[in-house]
PDB file of N, CA and C in Angstrom:
ATOM      1  N   MET A   1    -172.101 -29.808-144.411  1.00  0.00           N
ATOM      2  CA  MET A   1    -171.695 -29.666-145.782  1.00  0.00           C
ATOM      3  C   MET A   1    -172.646 -30.406-146.719  1.00  0.00           C
ATOM      4  N   GLN A   2    -173.111 -31.568-146.312  1.00  0.00           N
ATOM      5  CA  GLN A   2    -174.015 -32.338-147.159  1.00  0.00           C
ATOM      6  C   GLN A   2    -175.293 -31.559-147.464  1.00  0.00           C
ATOM      7  N   ALA A   3    -175.835 -30.921-146.462  1.00  0.00           N
ATOM      8  CA  ALA A   3    -177.059 -30.131-146.657  1.00  0.00           C
ATOM      9  C   ALA A   3    -176.815 -28.962-147.605  1.00  0.00           C
ATOM     10  N   ILE A   4    -175.656 -28.340-147.500  1.00  0.00           N
ATOM     11  CA  ILE A   4    -175.311 -27.213-148.381  1.00  0.00           C
ATOM     12  C   ILE A   4    -175.222 -27.684-149.830  1.00  0.00           C
ATOM     13  N   VAL A   5    -174.569 -28.812-150.053  1.00  0.00           N
ATOM     14  CA  VAL A   5    -174.429 -29.351-151.409  1.00  0.00           C
ATOM     15  C   VAL A   5    -175.805 -29.675-151.989  1.00  0.00           C
ATOM     16  N   LYS A   6    -176.626 -30.360-151.234  1.00  0.00           N
ATOM     17  CA  LYS A   6    -177.962 -30.733-151.715  1.00  0.00           C
ATOM     18  C   LYS A   6    -178.809 -29.498-152.000  1.00  0.00           C
ATOM     19  N   GLN A   7    -178.726 -28.505-151.143  1.00  0.00           N
ATOM     20  CA  GLN A   7    -179.481 -27.274-151.351  1.00  0.00           C
ATOM     21  C   GLN A   7    -179.006 -26.559-152.618  1.00  0.00           C
ATOM     22  N   TRP A   8    -177.698 -26.487-152.825  1.00  0.00           N
ATOM     23  CA  TRP A   8    -177.159 -25.840-154.018  1.00  0.00           C
ATOM     24  C   TRP A   8    -177.630 -26.558-155.281  1.00  0.00           C
ATOM     25  N   LEU A   9    -177.580 -27.883-155.275  1.00  0.00           N
ATOM     26  CA  LEU A   9    -178.023 -28.662-156.434  1.00  0.00           C
ATOM     27  C   LEU A   9    -179.498 -28.405-156.734  1.00  0.00           C
ATOM     28  N   GLN A  10    -180.302 -28.367-155.702  1.00  0.00           N
ATOM     29  CA  GLN A  10    -181.733 -28.123-155.885  1.00  0.00           C
ATOM     30  C   GLN A  10    -181.980 -26.708-156.420  1.00  0.00           C
ATOM     31  N   GLN A  11    -181.337 -25.722-155.838  1.00  0.00           N
ATOM     32  CA  GLN A  11    -181.532 -24.332-156.261  1.00  0.00           C
ATOM     33  C   GLN A  11    -181.072 -24.100-157.698  1.00  0.00           C
ATOM     34  N   ASN A  12    -180.085 -24.868-158.139  1.00  0.00           N
ATOM     35  CA  ASN A  12    -179.549 -24.705-159.480  1.00  0.00           C
ATOM     36  C   ASN A  12    -180.099 -25.739-160.470  1.00  0.00           C
ATOM     37  N   HIS A  13    -181.132 -26.438-160.045  1.00  0.00           N
ATOM     38  CA  HIS A  13    -181.850 -27.394-160.894  1.00  0.00           C
ATOM     39  C   HIS A  13    -180.922 -28.446-161.502  1.00  0.00           C
ATOM     40  N   VAL A  14    -180.026 -28.974-160.673  1.00  0.00           N
ATOM     41  CA  VAL A  14    -179.110 -30.023-161.113  1.00  0.00           C
ATOM     42  C   VAL A  14    -179.725 -31.368-160.741  1.00  0.00           C
ATOM     43  N   ASN A  15    -179.999 -32.166-161.761  1.00  0.00           N
ATOM     44  CA  ASN A  15    -180.550 -33.497-161.533  1.00  0.00           C
ATOM     45  C   ASN A  15    -179.408 -34.487-161.326  1.00  0.00           C
ATOM     46  N   TYR A  16    -179.607 -35.411-160.428  1.00  0.00           N
ATOM     47  CA  TYR A  16    -178.586 -36.421-160.146  1.00  0.00           C
ATOM     48  C   TYR A  16    -179.266 -37.679-159.651  1.00  0.00           C
ATOM     49  N   ASP A  17    -178.565 -38.794-159.790  1.00  0.00           N
ATOM     50  CA  ASP A  17    -179.093 -40.065-159.308  1.00  0.00           C
ATOM     51  C   ASP A  17    -178.666 -40.346-157.874  1.00  0.00           C
ATOM     52  N   ASN A  18    -177.387 -40.095-157.587  1.00  0.00           N
ATOM     53  CA  ASN A  18    -176.838 -40.364-156.260  1.00  0.00           C
ATOM     54  C   ASN A  18    -175.804 -39.303-155.905  1.00  0.00           C
ATOM     55  N   ILE A  19    -175.652 -39.087-154.618  1.00  0.00           N
ATOM     56  CA  ILE A  19    -174.567 -38.258-154.112  1.00  0.00           C
ATOM     57  C   ILE A  19    -173.754 -39.140-153.169  1.00  0.00           C
ATOM     58  N   ILE A  20    -172.462 -39.130-153.367  1.00  0.00           N
ATOM     59  CA  ILE A  20    -171.591 -39.951-152.526  1.00  0.00           C
ATOM     60  C   ILE A  20    -170.778 -39.028-151.632  1.00  0.00           C
ATOM     61  N   PHE A  21    -170.969 -39.166-150.346  1.00  0.00           N
ATOM     62  CA  PHE A  21    -170.176 -38.453-149.349  1.00  0.00           C
ATOM     63  C   PHE A  21    -169.344 -39.504-148.627  1.00  0.00           C
ATOM     64  N   SER A  22    -168.153 -39.734-149.132  1.00  0.00           N
ATOM     65  CA  SER A  22    -167.303 -40.790-148.596  1.00  0.00           C
ATOM     66  C   SER A  22    -165.858 -40.507-148.961  1.00  0.00           C
ATOM     67  N   LYS A  23    -164.943 -41.146-148.275  1.00  0.00           N
ATOM     68  CA  LYS A  23    -163.526 -40.999-148.593  1.00  0.00           C
ATOM     69  C   LYS A  23    -163.118 -41.910-149.743  1.00  0.00           C
ATOM     70  N   ASN A  24    -163.760 -43.054-149.904  1.00  0.00           N
ATOM     71  CA  ASN A  24    -163.381 -44.015-150.932  1.00  0.00           C
ATOM     72  C   ASN A  24    -164.400 -43.996-152.070  1.00  0.00           C
ATOM     73  N   LYS A  25    -164.506 -42.874-152.737  1.00  0.00           N
ATOM     74  CA  LYS A  25    -165.507 -42.705-153.789  1.00  0.00           C
ATOM     75  C   LYS A  25    -165.265 -43.604-154.981  1.00  0.00           C
ATOM     76  N   ALA A  26    -164.024 -43.846-155.341  1.00  0.00           N
ATOM     77  CA  ALA A  26    -163.732 -44.692-156.500  1.00  0.00           C
ATOM     78  C   ALA A  26    -164.307 -46.091-156.314  1.00  0.00           C
ATOM     79  N   GLU A  27    -164.126 -46.658-155.149  1.00  0.00           N
ATOM     80  CA  GLU A  27    -164.642 -48.001-154.869  1.00  0.00           C
ATOM     81  C   GLU A  27    -166.173 -48.007-154.866  1.00  0.00           C
ATOM     82  N   ILE A  28    -166.782 -46.995-154.303  1.00  0.00           N
ATOM     83  CA  ILE A  28    -168.244 -46.913-154.283  1.00  0.00           C
ATOM     84  C   ILE A  28    -168.790 -46.769-155.693  1.00  0.00           C
ATOM     85  N   CYS A  29    -168.136 -45.965-156.529  1.00  0.00           N
ATOM     86  CA  CYS A  29    -168.558 -45.820-157.929  1.00  0.00           C
ATOM     87  C   CYS A  29    -168.545 -47.178-158.627  1.00  0.00           C
ATOM     88  N   LYS A  30    -167.508 -47.945-158.374  1.00  0.00           N
ATOM     89  CA  LYS A  30    -167.387 -49.277-158.973  1.00  0.00           C
ATOM     90  C   LYS A  30    -168.501 -50.190-158.480  1.00  0.00           C
ATOM     91  N   GLN A  31    -168.734 -50.212-157.182  1.00  0.00           N
ATOM     92  CA  GLN A  31    -169.761 -51.074-156.599  1.00  0.00           C
ATOM     93  C   GLN A  31    -171.162 -50.709-157.091  1.00  0.00           C
ATOM     94  N   MET A  32    -171.408 -49.424-157.303  1.00  0.00           N
ATOM     95  CA  MET A  32    -172.735 -48.960-157.710  1.00  0.00           C
ATOM     96  C   MET A  32    -172.893 -48.877-159.232  1.00  0.00           C
ATOM     97  N   SER A  33    -171.864 -49.271-159.975  1.00  0.00           N
ATOM     98  CA  SER A  33    -171.872 -49.222-161.445  1.00  0.00           C
ATOM     99  C   SER A  33    -172.205 -47.824-161.961  1.00  0.00           C
ATOM    100  N   ILE A  34    -171.592 -46.826-161.348  1.00  0.00           N
ATOM    101  CA  ILE A  34    -171.793 -45.439-161.765  1.00  0.00           C
ATOM    102  C   ILE A  34    -171.045 -45.221-163.072  1.00  0.00           C
ATOM    103  N   ASN A  35    -171.690 -44.534-164.017  1.00  0.00           N
ATOM    104  CA  ASN A  35    -171.126 -44.335-165.351  1.00  0.00           C
ATOM    105  C   ASN A  35    -170.257 -43.097-165.469  1.00  0.00           C
ATOM    106  N   ILE A  36    -170.546 -42.078-164.687  1.00  0.00           N
ATOM    107  CA  ILE A  36    -169.793 -40.825-164.734  1.00  0.00           C
ATOM    108  C   ILE A  36    -169.916 -40.137-163.389  1.00  0.00           C
ATOM    109  N   MET A  37    -168.872 -39.423-162.999  1.00  0.00           N
ATOM    110  CA  MET A  37    -168.850 -38.779-161.686  1.00  0.00           C
ATOM    111  C   MET A  37    -168.428 -37.326-161.833  1.00  0.00           C
ATOM    112  N   ILE A  38    -169.083 -36.445-161.096  1.00  0.00           N
ATOM    113  CA  ILE A  38    -168.686 -35.047-160.999  1.00  0.00           C
ATOM    114  C   ILE A  38    -168.057 -34.876-159.627  1.00  0.00           C
ATOM    115  N   GLU A  39    -166.841 -34.365-159.605  1.00  0.00           N
ATOM    116  CA  GLU A  39    -166.066 -34.299-158.359  1.00  0.00           C
ATOM    117  C   GLU A  39    -165.277 -33.003-158.317  1.00  0.00           C
ATOM    118  N   ASP A  40    -165.005 -32.509-157.114  1.00  0.00           N
ATOM    119  CA  ASP A  40    -164.220 -31.281-156.971  1.00  0.00           C
ATOM    120  C   ASP A  40    -162.852 -31.509-156.348  1.00  0.00           C
ATOM    121  N   LYS A  41    -162.650 -32.606-155.693  1.00  0.00           N
ATOM    122  CA  LYS A  41    -161.382 -32.849-155.012  1.00  0.00           C
ATOM    123  C   LYS A  41    -160.393 -33.535-155.955  1.00  0.00           C
ATOM    124  N   PRO A  42    -159.257 -32.896-156.228  1.00  0.00           N
ATOM    125  CA  PRO A  42    -158.303 -33.444-157.200  1.00  0.00           C
ATOM    126  C   PRO A  42    -157.888 -34.897-156.941  1.00  0.00           C
ATOM    127  N   GLU A  43    -157.650 -35.254-155.698  1.00  0.00           N
ATOM    128  CA  GLU A  43    -157.234 -36.613-155.384  1.00  0.00           C
ATOM    129  C   GLU A  43    -158.322 -37.618-155.768  1.00  0.00           C
ATOM    130  N   ASN A  44    -159.579 -37.264-155.510  1.00  0.00           N
ATOM    131  CA  ASN A  44    -160.689 -38.151-155.870  1.00  0.00           C
ATOM    132  C   ASN A  44    -160.850 -38.241-157.380  1.00  0.00           C
ATOM    133  N   ILE A  45    -160.660 -37.125-158.069  1.00  0.00           N
ATOM    134  CA  ILE A  45    -160.771 -37.133-159.525  1.00  0.00           C
ATOM    135  C   ILE A  45    -159.769 -38.120-160.117  1.00  0.00           C
ATOM    136  N   LEU A  46    -158.539 -38.095-159.617  1.00  0.00           N
ATOM    137  CA  LEU A  46    -157.512 -39.013-160.123  1.00  0.00           C
ATOM    138  C   LEU A  46    -157.890 -40.476-159.893  1.00  0.00           C
ATOM    139  N   SER A  47    -158.341 -40.794-158.703  1.00  0.00           N
ATOM    140  CA  SER A  47    -158.664 -42.196-158.416  1.00  0.00           C
ATOM    141  C   SER A  47    -159.931 -42.644-159.142  1.00  0.00           C
ATOM    142  N   ILE A  48    -160.938 -41.794-159.202  1.00  0.00           N
ATOM    143  CA  ILE A  48    -162.185 -42.150-159.881  1.00  0.00           C
ATOM    144  C   ILE A  48    -161.960 -42.318-161.374  1.00  0.00           C
ATOM    145  N   SER A  49    -161.173 -41.413-161.973  1.00  0.00           N
ATOM    146  CA  SER A  49    -160.986 -41.425-163.426  1.00  0.00           C
ATOM    147  C   SER A  49    -160.190 -42.637-163.919  1.00  0.00           C
ATOM    148  N   ARG A  50    -159.623 -43.396-163.026  1.00  0.00           N
ATOM    149  CA  ARG A  50    -158.947 -44.641-163.430  1.00  0.00           C
ATOM    150  C   ARG A  50    -159.962 -45.699-163.853  1.00  0.00           C
ATOM    151  N   GLY A  51    -161.212 -45.537-163.390  1.00  0.00           N
ATOM    152  CA  GLY A  51    -162.238 -46.535-163.705  1.00  0.00           C
ATOM    153  C   GLY A  51    -163.393 -46.012-164.543  1.00  0.00           C
ATOM    154  N   ILE A  52    -163.752 -44.746-164.350  1.00  0.00           N
ATOM    155  CA  ILE A  52    -164.864 -44.148-165.095  1.00  0.00           C
ATOM    156  C   ILE A  52    -164.526 -42.692-165.398  1.00  0.00           C
ATOM    157  N   PRO A  53    -165.240 -42.085-166.353  1.00  0.00           N
ATOM    158  CA  PRO A  53    -165.015 -40.656-166.603  1.00  0.00           C
ATOM    159  C   PRO A  53    -165.374 -39.822-165.371  1.00  0.00           C
ATOM    160  N   ALA A  54    -164.545 -38.843-165.084  1.00  0.00           N
ATOM    161  CA  ALA A  54    -164.782 -37.937-163.964  1.00  0.00           C
ATOM    162  C   ALA A  54    -164.704 -36.501-164.466  1.00  0.00           C
ATOM    163  N   ILE A  55    -165.719 -35.740-164.165  1.00  0.00           N
ATOM    164  CA  ILE A  55    -165.763 -34.334-164.538  1.00  0.00           C
ATOM    165  C   ILE A  55    -165.320 -33.521-163.333  1.00  0.00           C
ATOM    166  N   CYS A  56    -164.353 -32.627-163.560  1.00  0.00           N
ATOM    167  CA  CYS A  56    -163.862 -31.780-162.484  1.00  0.00           C
ATOM    168  C   CYS A  56    -164.793 -30.597-162.314  1.00  0.00           C
ATOM    169  N   TYR A  57    -165.398 -30.497-161.141  1.00  0.00           N
ATOM    170  CA  TYR A  57    -166.199 -29.330-160.808  1.00  0.00           C
ATOM    171  C   TYR A  57    -165.217 -28.231-160.414  1.00  0.00           C
ATOM    172  N   ASP A  58    -165.125 -27.228-161.258  1.00  0.00           N
ATOM    173  CA  ASP A  58    -164.166 -26.145-161.066  1.00  0.00           C
ATOM    174  C   ASP A  58    -164.536 -25.292-159.856  1.00  0.00           C
ATOM    175  N   HIS A  59    -163.573 -25.080-159.003  1.00  0.00           N
ATOM    176  CA  HIS A  59    -163.776 -24.282-157.793  1.00  0.00           C
ATOM    177  C   HIS A  59    -162.446 -23.601-157.482  1.00  0.00           C
ATOM    178  N   PRO A  60    -162.473 -22.391-156.951  1.00  0.00           N
ATOM    179  CA  PRO A  60    -161.215 -21.673-156.693  1.00  0.00           C
ATOM    180  C   PRO A  60    -160.173 -22.483-155.905  1.00  0.00           C
ATOM    181  N   TYR A  61    -160.585 -23.298-154.963  1.00  0.00           N
ATOM    182  CA  TYR A  61    -159.601 -24.015-154.147  1.00  0.00           C
ATOM    183  C   TYR A  61    -158.889 -25.137-154.910  1.00  0.00           C
ATOM    184  N   ASN A  62    -159.436 -25.591-156.039  1.00  0.00           N
ATOM    185  CA  ASN A  62    -158.753 -26.678-156.740  1.00  0.00           C
ATOM    186  C   ASN A  62    -158.107 -26.225-158.057  1.00  0.00           C
ATOM    187  N   GLU A  63    -158.072 -24.930-158.317  1.00  0.00           N
ATOM    188  CA  GLU A  63    -157.484 -24.425-159.556  1.00  0.00           C
ATOM    189  C   GLU A  63    -155.994 -24.723-159.683  1.00  0.00           C
ATOM    190  N   LYS A  64    -155.268 -24.751-158.588  1.00  0.00           N
ATOM    191  CA  LYS A  64    -153.827 -24.990-158.647  1.00  0.00           C
ATOM    192  C   LYS A  64    -153.494 -26.417-159.084  1.00  0.00           C
ATOM    193  N   ASN A  65    -154.472 -27.306-159.079  1.00  0.00           N
ATOM    194  CA  ASN A  65    -154.236 -28.716-159.400  1.00  0.00           C
ATOM    195  C   ASN A  65    -154.602 -29.081-160.839  1.00  0.00           C
ATOM    196  N   LYS A  66    -154.876 -28.094-161.672  1.00  0.00           N
ATOM    197  CA  LYS A  66    -155.270 -28.396-163.059  1.00  0.00           C
ATOM    198  C   LYS A  66    -154.085 -28.834-163.867  1.00  0.00           C
TER     199      LYS A  66
END
């Protein structure tokens, strides 16, 4: 999955500083002083957005959680 995400970002010319592949993304964002996060998993969006702005990457599987 990591390779697919990186390939998609490259093909779509999306610039980024870091990619976090972890279960505890909110804590990592805090430790790394990340200013904003783009996330697709609703549970992660909720936990991350308690500390920093989180942008929901819209995807068919997470539409029911809007």
